[in-house]
Amino acid sequence: MNYYLAVLKNYATFGGRARRSEFWYFVLINSAISFVLGFVGGMIKVEFLHNIYSLAVLVPTIAVGVRRMHDVGKSGWFLLIPIYSLILAATAGATGDNEYGADPKATPAA
């Protein structure tokens, strides 16, 4: 849950790097919340509830994806390549500093 909140706090930060755990925990919690809101919205006949949440987390989702691409040493534009970006998101990040910032594993977690 800390990773999810950390992504929301840095909602518009496209610079820097994001660890695999930060990215995948955000994806997991975001998917669970979307599923619950879609289910509850369908039950109470308020289908747009899920859409409002999706719009609210659109920028943080793109930002953490861009930071994840930066961690593996690629540009954020690689998010537009569907299968390859998924492979990159699952790949271990580059050790040490790269052109996008310091190694997030080397710096203490906040």
PDB file of N, CA and C in Angstrom:
ATOM      1  N   MET A   1       0.826  -1.194   0.000  1.00  0.00           N
ATOM      2  CA  MET A   1       0.000   0.000   0.000  1.00  0.00           C
ATOM      3  C   MET A   1       0.868   1.255   0.000  1.00  0.00           C
ATOM      4  N   ASN A   2       2.067   1.152   0.605  1.00  0.00           N
ATOM      5  CA  ASN A   2       2.964   2.306   0.617  1.00  0.00           C
ATOM      6  C   ASN A   2       3.403   2.696  -0.783  1.00  0.00           C
ATOM      7  N   TYR A   3       3.635   1.693  -1.638  1.00  0.00           N
ATOM      8  CA  TYR A   3       4.033   1.990  -3.012  1.00  0.00           C
ATOM      9  C   TYR A   3       2.904   2.682  -3.759  1.00  0.00           C
ATOM     10  N   TYR A   4       1.679   2.254  -3.539  1.00  0.00           N
ATOM     11  CA  TYR A   4       0.525   2.865  -4.194  1.00  0.00           C
ATOM     12  C   TYR A   4       0.416   4.333  -3.790  1.00  0.00           C
ATOM     13  N   LEU A   5       0.548   4.598  -2.509  1.00  0.00           N
ATOM     14  CA  LEU A   5       0.467   5.981  -2.027  1.00  0.00           C
ATOM     15  C   LEU A   5       1.651   6.813  -2.507  1.00  0.00           C
ATOM     16  N   ALA A   6       2.823   6.187  -2.599  1.00  0.00           N
ATOM     17  CA  ALA A   6       3.996   6.914  -3.099  1.00  0.00           C
ATOM     18  C   ALA A   6       3.800   7.333  -4.546  1.00  0.00           C
ATOM     19  N   VAL A   7       3.197   6.467  -5.344  1.00  0.00           N
ATOM     20  CA  VAL A   7       2.921   6.823  -6.746  1.00  0.00           C
ATOM     21  C   VAL A   7       1.920   7.963  -6.804  1.00  0.00           C
ATOM     22  N   LEU A   8       0.897   7.924  -5.969  1.00  0.00           N
ATOM     23  CA  LEU A   8      -0.096   9.004  -5.974  1.00  0.00           C
ATOM     24  C   LEU A   8       0.499  10.321  -5.496  1.00  0.00           C
ATOM     25  N   LYS A   9       1.454  10.260  -4.554  1.00  0.00           N
ATOM     26  CA  LYS A   9       2.104  11.491  -4.097  1.00  0.00           C
ATOM     27  C   LYS A   9       2.953  12.106  -5.196  1.00  0.00           C
ATOM     28  N   ASN A  10       3.571  11.270  -6.018  1.00  0.00           N
ATOM     29  CA  ASN A  10       4.384  11.748  -7.146  1.00  0.00           C
ATOM     30  C   ASN A  10       3.592  11.649  -8.436  1.00  0.00           C
ATOM     31  N   TYR A  11       2.348  12.077  -8.405  1.00  0.00           N
ATOM     32  CA  TYR A  11       1.408  11.814  -9.489  1.00  0.00           C
ATOM     33  C   TYR A  11       1.836  12.391 -10.827  1.00  0.00           C
ATOM     34  N   ALA A  12       2.568  13.467 -10.846  1.00  0.00           N
ATOM     35  CA  ALA A  12       2.952  14.070 -12.123  1.00  0.00           C
ATOM     36  C   ALA A  12       4.466  14.130 -12.283  1.00  0.00           C
ATOM     37  N   THR A  13       5.191  13.269 -11.609  1.00  0.00           N
ATOM     38  CA  THR A  13       6.642  13.231 -11.707  1.00  0.00           C
ATOM     39  C   THR A  13       7.027  12.221 -12.777  1.00  0.00           C
ATOM     40  N   PHE A  14       7.425  12.724 -13.927  1.00  0.00           N
ATOM     41  CA  PHE A  14       7.802  11.857 -15.029  1.00  0.00           C
ATOM     42  C   PHE A  14       9.304  11.631 -15.080  1.00  0.00           C
ATOM     43  N   GLY A  15      10.063  12.376 -14.288  1.00  0.00           N
ATOM     44  CA  GLY A  15      11.509  12.200 -14.234  1.00  0.00           C
ATOM     45  C   GLY A  15      11.879  11.232 -13.136  1.00  0.00           C
ATOM     46  N   GLY A  16      13.052  10.662 -13.249  1.00  0.00           N
ATOM     47  CA  GLY A  16      13.518   9.728 -12.236  1.00  0.00           C
ATOM     48  C   GLY A  16      13.217   8.294 -12.620  1.00  0.00           C
ATOM     49  N   ARG A  17      13.329   7.418 -11.633  1.00  0.00           N
ATOM     50  CA  ARG A  17      13.197   5.988 -11.873  1.00  0.00           C
ATOM     51  C   ARG A  17      12.263   5.363 -10.851  1.00  0.00           C
ATOM     52  N   ALA A  18      11.608   4.276 -11.245  1.00  0.00           N
ATOM     53  CA  ALA A  18      10.708   3.543 -10.355  1.00  0.00           C
ATOM     54  C   ALA A  18      11.127   2.073 -10.329  1.00  0.00           C
ATOM     55  N   ARG A  19      11.232   1.519  -9.148  1.00  0.00           N
ATOM     56  CA  ARG A  19      11.595   0.115  -8.995  1.00  0.00           C
ATOM     57  C   ARG A  19      10.473  -0.784  -9.507  1.00  0.00           C
ATOM     58  N   ARG A  20      10.829  -2.045  -9.769  1.00  0.00           N
ATOM     59  CA  ARG A  20       9.815  -3.010 -10.200  1.00  0.00           C
ATOM     60  C   ARG A  20       8.722  -3.142  -9.166  1.00  0.00           C
ATOM     61  N   SER A  21       9.105  -3.207  -7.885  1.00  0.00           N
ATOM     62  CA  SER A  21       8.092  -3.388  -6.839  1.00  0.00           C
ATOM     63  C   SER A  21       7.131  -2.207  -6.788  1.00  0.00           C
ATOM     64  N   GLU A  22       7.638  -0.993  -6.941  1.00  0.00           N
ATOM     65  CA  GLU A  22       6.761   0.179  -6.941  1.00  0.00           C
ATOM     66  C   GLU A  22       5.758   0.102  -8.080  1.00  0.00           C
ATOM     67  N   PHE A  23       6.230  -0.240  -9.267  1.00  0.00           N
ATOM     68  CA  PHE A  23       5.361  -0.321 -10.433  1.00  0.00           C
ATOM     69  C   PHE A  23       4.330  -1.426 -10.286  1.00  0.00           C
ATOM     70  N   TRP A  24       4.766  -2.638  -9.952  1.00  0.00           N
ATOM     71  CA  TRP A  24       3.852  -3.781  -9.931  1.00  0.00           C
ATOM     72  C   TRP A  24       2.889  -3.740  -8.760  1.00  0.00           C
ATOM     73  N   TYR A  25       3.312  -3.217  -7.597  1.00  0.00           N
ATOM     74  CA  TYR A  25       2.353  -3.062  -6.501  1.00  0.00           C
ATOM     75  C   TYR A  25       1.298  -2.020  -6.850  1.00  0.00           C
ATOM     76  N   PHE A  26       1.715  -0.964  -7.549  1.00  0.00           N
ATOM     77  CA  PHE A  26       0.728   0.019  -7.994  1.00  0.00           C
ATOM     78  C   PHE A  26      -0.259  -0.617  -8.959  1.00  0.00           C
ATOM     79  N   VAL A  27       0.238  -1.407  -9.911  1.00  0.00           N
ATOM     80  CA  VAL A  27      -0.640  -2.081 -10.873  1.00  0.00           C
ATOM     81  C   VAL A  27      -1.599  -3.018 -10.141  1.00  0.00           C
ATOM     82  N   LEU A  28      -1.094  -3.774  -9.175  1.00  0.00           N
ATOM     83  CA  LEU A  28      -1.930  -4.719  -8.429  1.00  0.00           C
ATOM     84  C   LEU A  28      -3.034  -4.011  -7.648  1.00  0.00           C
ATOM     85  N   ILE A  29      -2.670  -3.008  -6.880  1.00  0.00           N
ATOM     86  CA  ILE A  29      -3.662  -2.313  -6.051  1.00  0.00           C
ATOM     87  C   ILE A  29      -4.623  -1.512  -6.930  1.00  0.00           C
ATOM     88  N   ASN A  30      -4.112  -0.901  -7.981  1.00  0.00           N
ATOM     89  CA  ASN A  30      -4.965  -0.151  -8.895  1.00  0.00           C
ATOM     90  C   ASN A  30      -5.982  -1.079  -9.571  1.00  0.00           C
ATOM     91  N   SER A  31      -5.550  -2.261  -9.972  1.00  0.00           N
ATOM     92  CA  SER A  31      -6.463  -3.228 -10.594  1.00  0.00           C
ATOM     93  C   SER A  31      -7.525  -3.698  -9.609  1.00  0.00           C
ATOM     94  N   ALA A  32      -7.123  -3.942  -8.364  1.00  0.00           N
ATOM     95  CA  ALA A  32      -8.083  -4.386  -7.352  1.00  0.00           C
ATOM     96  C   ALA A  32      -9.131  -3.302  -7.082  1.00  0.00           C
ATOM     97  N   ILE A  33      -8.681  -2.065  -6.954  1.00  0.00           N
ATOM     98  CA  ILE A  33      -9.618  -0.968  -6.716  1.00  0.00           C
ATOM     99  C   ILE A  33     -10.560  -0.804  -7.911  1.00  0.00           C
ATOM    100  N   SER A  34     -10.014  -0.897  -9.119  1.00  0.00           N
ATOM    101  CA  SER A  34     -10.851  -0.784 -10.321  1.00  0.00           C
ATOM    102  C   SER A  34     -11.894  -1.887 -10.374  1.00  0.00           C
ATOM    103  N   PHE A  35     -11.482  -3.105 -10.045  1.00  0.00           N
ATOM    104  CA  PHE A  35     -12.409  -4.227 -10.061  1.00  0.00           C
ATOM    105  C   PHE A  35     -13.528  -4.020  -9.038  1.00  0.00           C
ATOM    106  N   VAL A  36     -13.148  -3.628  -7.821  1.00  0.00           N
ATOM    107  CA  VAL A  36     -14.152  -3.426  -6.771  1.00  0.00           C
ATOM    108  C   VAL A  36     -15.106  -2.300  -7.152  1.00  0.00           C
ATOM    109  N   LEU A  37     -14.574  -1.201  -7.662  1.00  0.00           N
ATOM    110  CA  LEU A  37     -15.448  -0.087  -8.053  1.00  0.00           C
ATOM    111  C   LEU A  37     -16.352  -0.468  -9.216  1.00  0.00           C
ATOM    112  N   GLY A  38     -15.831  -1.248 -10.155  1.00  0.00           N
ATOM    113  CA  GLY A  38     -16.672  -1.716 -11.258  1.00  0.00           C
ATOM    114  C   GLY A  38     -17.771  -2.642 -10.777  1.00  0.00           C
ATOM    115  N   PHE A  39     -17.437  -3.521  -9.853  1.00  0.00           N
ATOM    116  CA  PHE A  39     -18.423  -4.459  -9.316  1.00  0.00           C
ATOM    117  C   PHE A  39     -19.487  -3.734  -8.496  1.00  0.00           C
ATOM    118  N   VAL A  40     -19.025  -2.882  -7.581  1.00  0.00           N
ATOM    119  CA  VAL A  40     -19.970  -2.141  -6.733  1.00  0.00           C
ATOM    120  C   VAL A  40     -20.810  -1.187  -7.582  1.00  0.00           C
ATOM    121  N   GLY A  41     -20.172  -0.520  -8.541  1.00  0.00           N
ATOM    122  CA  GLY A  41     -20.918   0.380  -9.421  1.00  0.00           C
ATOM    123  C   GLY A  41     -21.976  -0.349 -10.226  1.00  0.00           C
ATOM    124  N   GLY A  42     -21.661  -1.557 -10.654  1.00  0.00           N
ATOM    125  CA  GLY A  42     -22.653  -2.354 -11.375  1.00  0.00           C
ATOM    126  C   GLY A  42     -23.793  -2.807 -10.487  1.00  0.00           C
ATOM    127  N   MET A  43     -23.486  -3.107  -9.239  1.00  0.00           N
ATOM    128  CA  MET A  43     -24.516  -3.562  -8.305  1.00  0.00           C
ATOM    129  C   MET A  43     -25.487  -2.444  -7.943  1.00  0.00           C
ATOM    130  N   ILE A  44     -24.971  -1.226  -7.776  1.00  0.00           N
ATOM    131  CA  ILE A  44     -25.842  -0.120  -7.369  1.00  0.00           C
ATOM    132  C   ILE A  44     -26.264   0.746  -8.565  1.00  0.00           C
ATOM    133  N   LYS A  45     -25.996   0.242  -9.773  1.00  0.00           N
ATOM    134  CA  LYS A  45     -26.403   0.911 -11.009  1.00  0.00           C
ATOM    135  C   LYS A  45     -25.770   2.290 -11.192  1.00  0.00           C
ATOM    136  N   VAL A  46     -24.491   2.410 -10.794  1.00  0.00           N
ATOM    137  CA  VAL A  46     -23.720   3.636 -11.000  1.00  0.00           C
ATOM    138  C   VAL A  46     -22.457   3.225 -11.756  1.00  0.00           C
ATOM    139  N   GLU A  47     -22.616   2.908 -13.055  1.00  0.00           N
ATOM    140  CA  GLU A  47     -21.528   2.351 -13.834  1.00  0.00           C
ATOM    141  C   GLU A  47     -20.370   3.326 -14.037  1.00  0.00           C
ATOM    142  N   PHE A  48     -20.609   4.617 -13.967  1.00  0.00           N
ATOM    143  CA  PHE A  48     -19.559   5.592 -14.220  1.00  0.00           C
ATOM    144  C   PHE A  48     -18.594   5.745 -13.050  1.00  0.00           C
ATOM    145  N   LEU A  49     -18.839   5.096 -11.927  1.00  0.00           N
ATOM    146  CA  LEU A  49     -17.953   5.169 -10.764  1.00  0.00           C
ATOM    147  C   LEU A  49     -16.551   4.698 -11.120  1.00  0.00           C
ATOM    148  N   HIS A  50     -16.460   3.599 -11.835  1.00  0.00           N
ATOM    149  CA  HIS A  50     -15.166   3.062 -12.276  1.00  0.00           C
ATOM    150  C   HIS A  50     -14.470   4.034 -13.221  1.00  0.00           C
ATOM    151  N   ASN A  51     -15.223   4.663 -14.108  1.00  0.00           N
ATOM    152  CA  ASN A  51     -14.643   5.598 -15.074  1.00  0.00           C
ATOM    153  C   ASN A  51     -14.055   6.829 -14.394  1.00  0.00           C
ATOM    154  N   ILE A  52     -14.710   7.310 -13.366  1.00  0.00           N
ATOM    155  CA  ILE A  52     -14.199   8.465 -12.625  1.00  0.00           C
ATOM    156  C   ILE A  52     -12.868   8.123 -11.965  1.00  0.00           C
ATOM    157  N   TYR A  53     -12.799   6.949 -11.347  1.00  0.00           N
ATOM    158  CA  TYR A  53     -11.543   6.519 -10.718  1.00  0.00           C
ATOM    159  C   TYR A  53     -10.447   6.365 -11.773  1.00  0.00           C
ATOM    160  N   SER A  54     -10.766   5.770 -12.908  1.00  0.00           N
ATOM    161  CA  SER A  54      -9.776   5.568 -13.963  1.00  0.00           C
ATOM    162  C   SER A  54      -9.223   6.897 -14.466  1.00  0.00           C
ATOM    163  N   LEU A  55     -10.074   7.877 -14.621  1.00  0.00           N
ATOM    164  CA  LEU A  55      -9.602   9.199 -15.026  1.00  0.00           C
ATOM    165  C   LEU A  55      -8.751   9.857 -13.949  1.00  0.00           C
ATOM    166  N   ALA A  56      -9.097   9.614 -12.686  1.00  0.00           N
ATOM    167  CA  ALA A  56      -8.355  10.216 -11.585  1.00  0.00           C
ATOM    168  C   ALA A  56      -6.927   9.664 -11.493  1.00  0.00           C
ATOM    169  N   VAL A  57      -6.721   8.417 -11.843  1.00  0.00           N
ATOM    170  CA  VAL A  57      -5.384   7.818 -11.729  1.00  0.00           C
ATOM    171  C   VAL A  57      -4.687   7.679 -13.084  1.00  0.00           C
ATOM    172  N   LEU A  58      -5.216   8.306 -14.123  1.00  0.00           N
ATOM    173  CA  LEU A  58      -4.602   8.204 -15.442  1.00  0.00           C
ATOM    174  C   LEU A  58      -3.192   8.792 -15.454  1.00  0.00           C
ATOM    175  N   VAL A  59      -3.025  10.006 -14.973  1.00  0.00           N
ATOM    176  CA  VAL A  59      -1.706  10.648 -14.979  1.00  0.00           C
ATOM    177  C   VAL A  59      -0.722   9.898 -14.082  1.00  0.00           C
ATOM    178  N   PRO A  60      -1.091   9.507 -12.841  1.00  0.00           N
ATOM    179  CA  PRO A  60      -0.138   8.725 -12.043  1.00  0.00           C
ATOM    180  C   PRO A  60       0.252   7.396 -12.686  1.00  0.00           C
ATOM    181  N   THR A  61      -0.672   6.761 -13.383  1.00  0.00           N
ATOM    182  CA  THR A  61      -0.374   5.494 -14.042  1.00  0.00           C
ATOM    183  C   THR A  61       0.643   5.689 -15.158  1.00  0.00           C
ATOM    184  N   ILE A  62       0.460   6.715 -15.955  1.00  0.00           N
ATOM    185  CA  ILE A  62       1.414   6.997 -17.026  1.00  0.00           C
ATOM    186  C   ILE A  62       2.765   7.392 -16.435  1.00  0.00           C
ATOM    187  N   ALA A  63       2.746   8.199 -15.374  1.00  0.00           N
ATOM    188  CA  ALA A  63       3.991   8.660 -14.762  1.00  0.00           C
ATOM    189  C   ALA A  63       4.805   7.502 -14.202  1.00  0.00           C
ATOM    190  N   VAL A  64       4.165   6.569 -13.492  1.00  0.00           N
ATOM    191  CA  VAL A  64       4.922   5.448 -12.937  1.00  0.00           C
ATOM    192  C   VAL A  64       5.407   4.534 -14.054  1.00  0.00           C
ATOM    193  N   GLY A  65       4.667   4.416 -15.136  1.00  0.00           N
ATOM    194  CA  GLY A  65       5.121   3.632 -16.277  1.00  0.00           C
ATOM    195  C   GLY A  65       6.351   4.245 -16.929  1.00  0.00           C
ATOM    196  N   VAL A  66       6.349   5.561 -17.080  1.00  0.00           N
ATOM    197  CA  VAL A  66       7.501   6.259 -17.651  1.00  0.00           C
ATOM    198  C   VAL A  66       8.710   6.096 -16.739  1.00  0.00           C
ATOM    199  N   ARG A  67       8.517   6.263 -15.435  1.00  0.00           N
ATOM    200  CA  ARG A  67       9.634   6.086 -14.505  1.00  0.00           C
ATOM    201  C   ARG A  67      10.156   4.655 -14.522  1.00  0.00           C
ATOM    202  N   ARG A  68       9.262   3.674 -14.736  1.00  0.00           N
ATOM    203  CA  ARG A  68       9.698   2.272 -14.822  1.00  0.00           C
ATOM    204  C   ARG A  68      10.546   2.049 -16.068  1.00  0.00           C
ATOM    205  N   MET A  69      10.152   2.660 -17.186  1.00  0.00           N
ATOM    206  CA  MET A  69      10.960   2.556 -18.396  1.00  0.00           C
ATOM    207  C   MET A  69      12.324   3.211 -18.187  1.00  0.00           C
ATOM    208  N   HIS A  70      12.356   4.320 -17.470  1.00  0.00           N
ATOM    209  CA  HIS A  70      13.617   4.985 -17.170  1.00  0.00           C
ATOM    210  C   HIS A  70      14.524   4.079 -16.341  1.00  0.00           C
ATOM    211  N   ASP A  71      13.943   3.276 -15.456  1.00  0.00           N
ATOM    212  CA  ASP A  71      14.755   2.407 -14.596  1.00  0.00           C
ATOM    213  C   ASP A  71      15.498   1.352 -15.405  1.00  0.00           C
ATOM    214  N   VAL A  72      14.918   0.919 -16.517  1.00  0.00           N
ATOM    215  CA  VAL A  72      15.604  -0.066 -17.356  1.00  0.00           C
ATOM    216  C   VAL A  72      16.429   0.603 -18.451  1.00  0.00           C
ATOM    217  N   GLY A  73      16.535   1.930 -18.388  1.00  0.00           N
ATOM    218  CA  GLY A  73      17.388   2.658 -19.319  1.00  0.00           C
ATOM    219  C   GLY A  73      16.736   2.994 -20.640  1.00  0.00           C
ATOM    220  N   LYS A  74      15.421   2.980 -20.699  1.00  0.00           N
ATOM    221  CA  LYS A  74      14.706   3.288 -21.936  1.00  0.00           C
ATOM    222  C   LYS A  74      13.912   4.579 -21.774  1.00  0.00           C
ATOM    223  N   SER A  75      13.536   5.165 -22.890  1.00  0.00           N
ATOM    224  CA  SER A  75      12.703   6.355 -22.885  1.00  0.00           C
ATOM    225  C   SER A  75      11.274   5.981 -22.501  1.00  0.00           C
ATOM    226  N   GLY A  76      10.538   6.934 -21.984  1.00  0.00           N
ATOM    227  CA  GLY A  76       9.142   6.704 -21.632  1.00  0.00           C
ATOM    228  C   GLY A  76       8.265   6.384 -22.822  1.00  0.00           C
ATOM    229  N   TRP A  77       8.717   6.730 -24.014  1.00  0.00           N
ATOM    230  CA  TRP A  77       7.951   6.450 -25.227  1.00  0.00           C
ATOM    231  C   TRP A  77       7.822   4.946 -25.488  1.00  0.00           C
ATOM    232  N   PHE A  78       8.662   4.136 -24.840  1.00  0.00           N
ATOM    233  CA  PHE A  78       8.575   2.685 -25.020  1.00  0.00           C
ATOM    234  C   PHE A  78       7.280   2.122 -24.437  1.00  0.00           C
ATOM    235  N   LEU A  79       6.559   2.912 -23.646  1.00  0.00           N
ATOM    236  CA  LEU A  79       5.253   2.469 -23.150  1.00  0.00           C
ATOM    237  C   LEU A  79       4.259   2.247 -24.284  1.00  0.00           C
ATOM    238  N   LEU A  80       4.489   2.873 -25.410  1.00  0.00           N
ATOM    239  CA  LEU A  80       3.572   2.761 -26.539  1.00  0.00           C
ATOM    240  C   LEU A  80       3.723   1.450 -27.307  1.00  0.00           C
ATOM    241  N   ILE A  81       4.745   0.666 -26.986  1.00  0.00           N
ATOM    242  CA  ILE A  81       4.951  -0.632 -27.639  1.00  0.00           C
ATOM    243  C   ILE A  81       4.421  -1.696 -26.680  1.00  0.00           C
ATOM    244  N   PRO A  82       3.240  -2.244 -26.938  1.00  0.00           N
ATOM    245  CA  PRO A  82       2.519  -3.047 -25.936  1.00  0.00           C
ATOM    246  C   PRO A  82       3.286  -4.213 -25.305  1.00  0.00           C
ATOM    247  N   ILE A  83       3.698  -5.193 -26.068  1.00  0.00           N
ATOM    248  CA  ILE A  83       4.323  -6.381 -25.483  1.00  0.00           C
ATOM    249  C   ILE A  83       5.720  -6.062 -24.959  1.00  0.00           C
ATOM    250  N   TYR A  84       6.471  -5.273 -25.722  1.00  0.00           N
ATOM    251  CA  TYR A  84       7.835  -4.940 -25.317  1.00  0.00           C
ATOM    252  C   TYR A  84       7.849  -4.150 -24.008  1.00  0.00           C
ATOM    253  N   SER A  85       6.907  -3.228 -23.834  1.00  0.00           N
ATOM    254  CA  SER A  85       6.870  -2.457 -22.585  1.00  0.00           C
ATOM    255  C   SER A  85       6.539  -3.352 -21.395  1.00  0.00           C
ATOM    256  N   LEU A  86       5.723  -4.372 -21.610  1.00  0.00           N
ATOM    257  CA  LEU A  86       5.428  -5.324 -20.538  1.00  0.00           C
ATOM    258  C   LEU A  86       6.675  -6.111 -20.167  1.00  0.00           C
ATOM    259  N   ILE A  87       7.445  -6.512 -21.158  1.00  0.00           N
ATOM    260  CA  ILE A  87       8.699  -7.225 -20.895  1.00  0.00           C
ATOM    261  C   ILE A  87       9.672  -6.315 -20.159  1.00  0.00           C
ATOM    262  N   LEU A  88       9.776  -5.065 -20.585  1.00  0.00           N
ATOM    263  CA  LEU A  88      10.664  -4.118 -19.917  1.00  0.00           C
ATOM    264  C   LEU A  88      10.236  -3.862 -18.474  1.00  0.00           C
ATOM    265  N   ALA A  89       8.927  -3.799 -18.237  1.00  0.00           N
ATOM    266  CA  ALA A  89       8.427  -3.552 -16.879  1.00  0.00           C
ATOM    267  C   ALA A  89       8.776  -4.707 -15.947  1.00  0.00           C
ATOM    268  N   ALA A  90       8.908  -5.908 -16.498  1.00  0.00           N
ATOM    269  CA  ALA A  90       9.244  -7.076 -15.683  1.00  0.00           C
ATOM    270  C   ALA A  90      10.750  -7.290 -15.561  1.00  0.00           C
ATOM    271  N   THR A  91      11.531  -6.553 -16.335  1.00  0.00           N
ATOM    272  CA  THR A  91      12.983  -6.689 -16.332  1.00  0.00           C
ATOM    273  C   THR A  91      13.581  -5.926 -15.154  1.00  0.00           C
ATOM    274  N   ALA A  92      14.652  -6.468 -14.607  1.00  0.00           N
ATOM    275  CA  ALA A  92      15.349  -5.779 -13.514  1.00  0.00           C
ATOM    276  C   ALA A  92      15.925  -4.464 -14.020  1.00  0.00           C
ATOM    277  N   GLY A  93      15.922  -3.472 -13.166  1.00  0.00           N
ATOM    278  CA  GLY A  93      16.440  -2.166 -13.531  1.00  0.00           C
ATOM    279  C   GLY A  93      17.950  -2.165 -13.646  1.00  0.00           C
ATOM    280  N   ALA A  94      18.467  -1.162 -14.329  1.00  0.00           N
ATOM    281  CA  ALA A  94      19.908  -1.013 -14.487  1.00  0.00           C
ATOM    282  C   ALA A  94      20.529  -0.675 -13.140  1.00  0.00           C
ATOM    283  N   THR A  95      21.628  -1.334 -12.823  1.00  0.00           N
ATOM    284  CA  THR A  95      22.306  -1.046 -11.561  1.00  0.00           C
ATOM    285  C   THR A  95      23.122   0.225 -11.716  1.00  0.00           C
ATOM    286  N   GLY A  96      23.181   0.973 -10.655  1.00  0.00           N
ATOM    287  CA  GLY A  96      23.903   2.230 -10.686  1.00  0.00           C
ATOM    288  C   GLY A  96      23.093   3.331 -11.338  1.00  0.00           C
ATOM    289  N   ASP A  97      23.681   4.493 -11.368  1.00  0.00           N
ATOM    290  CA  ASP A  97      23.012   5.642 -11.957  1.00  0.00           C
ATOM    291  C   ASP A  97      22.964   5.497 -13.479  1.00  0.00           C
ATOM    292  N   ASN A  98      21.914   6.042 -14.080  1.00  0.00           N
ATOM    293  CA  ASN A  98      21.843   6.131 -15.530  1.00  0.00           C
ATOM    294  C   ASN A  98      21.433   7.544 -15.895  1.00  0.00           C
ATOM    295  N   GLU A  99      21.170   7.791 -17.163  1.00  0.00           N
ATOM    296  CA  GLU A  99      20.862   9.151 -17.606  1.00  0.00           C
ATOM    297  C   GLU A  99      19.563   9.701 -17.032  1.00  0.00           C
ATOM    298  N   TYR A 100      18.734   8.834 -16.439  1.00  0.00           N
ATOM    299  CA  TYR A 100      17.439   9.259 -15.913  1.00  0.00           C
ATOM    300  C   TYR A 100      17.456   9.499 -14.410  1.00  0.00           C
ATOM    301  N   GLY A 101      18.538   9.154 -13.742  1.00  0.00           N
ATOM    302  CA  GLY A 101      18.615   9.426 -12.314  1.00  0.00           C
ATOM    303  C   GLY A 101      19.378   8.362 -11.555  1.00  0.00           C
ATOM    304  N   ALA A 102      19.319   8.502 -10.245  1.00  0.00           N
ATOM    305  CA  ALA A 102      20.031   7.584  -9.355  1.00  0.00           C
ATOM    306  C   ALA A 102      19.295   6.256  -9.259  1.00  0.00           C
ATOM    307  N   ASP A 103      20.032   5.218  -8.919  1.00  0.00           N
ATOM    308  CA  ASP A 103      19.466   3.883  -8.755  1.00  0.00           C
ATOM    309  C   ASP A 103      18.525   3.890  -7.550  1.00  0.00           C
ATOM    310  N   PRO A 104      17.225   3.566  -7.739  1.00  0.00           N
ATOM    311  CA  PRO A 104      16.303   3.603  -6.608  1.00  0.00           C
ATOM    312  C   PRO A 104      16.586   2.517  -5.570  1.00  0.00           C
ATOM    313  N   LYS A 105      17.282   1.451  -5.947  1.00  0.00           N
ATOM    314  CA  LYS A 105      17.644   0.426  -4.972  1.00  0.00           C
ATOM    315  C   LYS A 105      18.774   0.890  -4.077  1.00  0.00           C
ATOM    316  N   ALA A 106      19.610   1.775  -4.569  1.00  0.00           N
ATOM    317  CA  ALA A 106      20.741   2.264  -3.795  1.00  0.00           C
ATOM    318  C   ALA A 106      20.323   3.331  -2.789  1.00  0.00           C
ATOM    319  N   THR A 107      19.240   4.035  -3.075  1.00  0.00           N
ATOM    320  CA  THR A 107      18.774   5.067  -2.158  1.00  0.00           C
ATOM    321  C   THR A 107      17.775   4.460  -1.177  1.00  0.00           C
ATOM    322  N   PRO A 108      17.787   4.883   0.075  1.00  0.00           N
ATOM    323  CA  PRO A 108      16.838   4.322   1.049  1.00  0.00           C
ATOM    324  C   PRO A 108      15.398   4.673   0.677  1.00  0.00           C
ATOM    325  N   ALA A 109      14.501   3.710   0.876  1.00  0.00           N
ATOM    326  CA  ALA A 109      13.077   3.931   0.575  1.00  0.00           C
ATOM    327  C   ALA A 109      12.486   4.945   1.537  1.00  0.00           C
ATOM    328  N   ALA A 110      11.570   5.750   1.021  1.00  0.00           N
ATOM    329  CA  ALA A 110      10.933   6.784   1.853  1.00  0.00           C
ATOM    330  C   ALA A 110       9.798   6.215   2.645  1.00  0.00           C
TER     331      ALA A 110
END
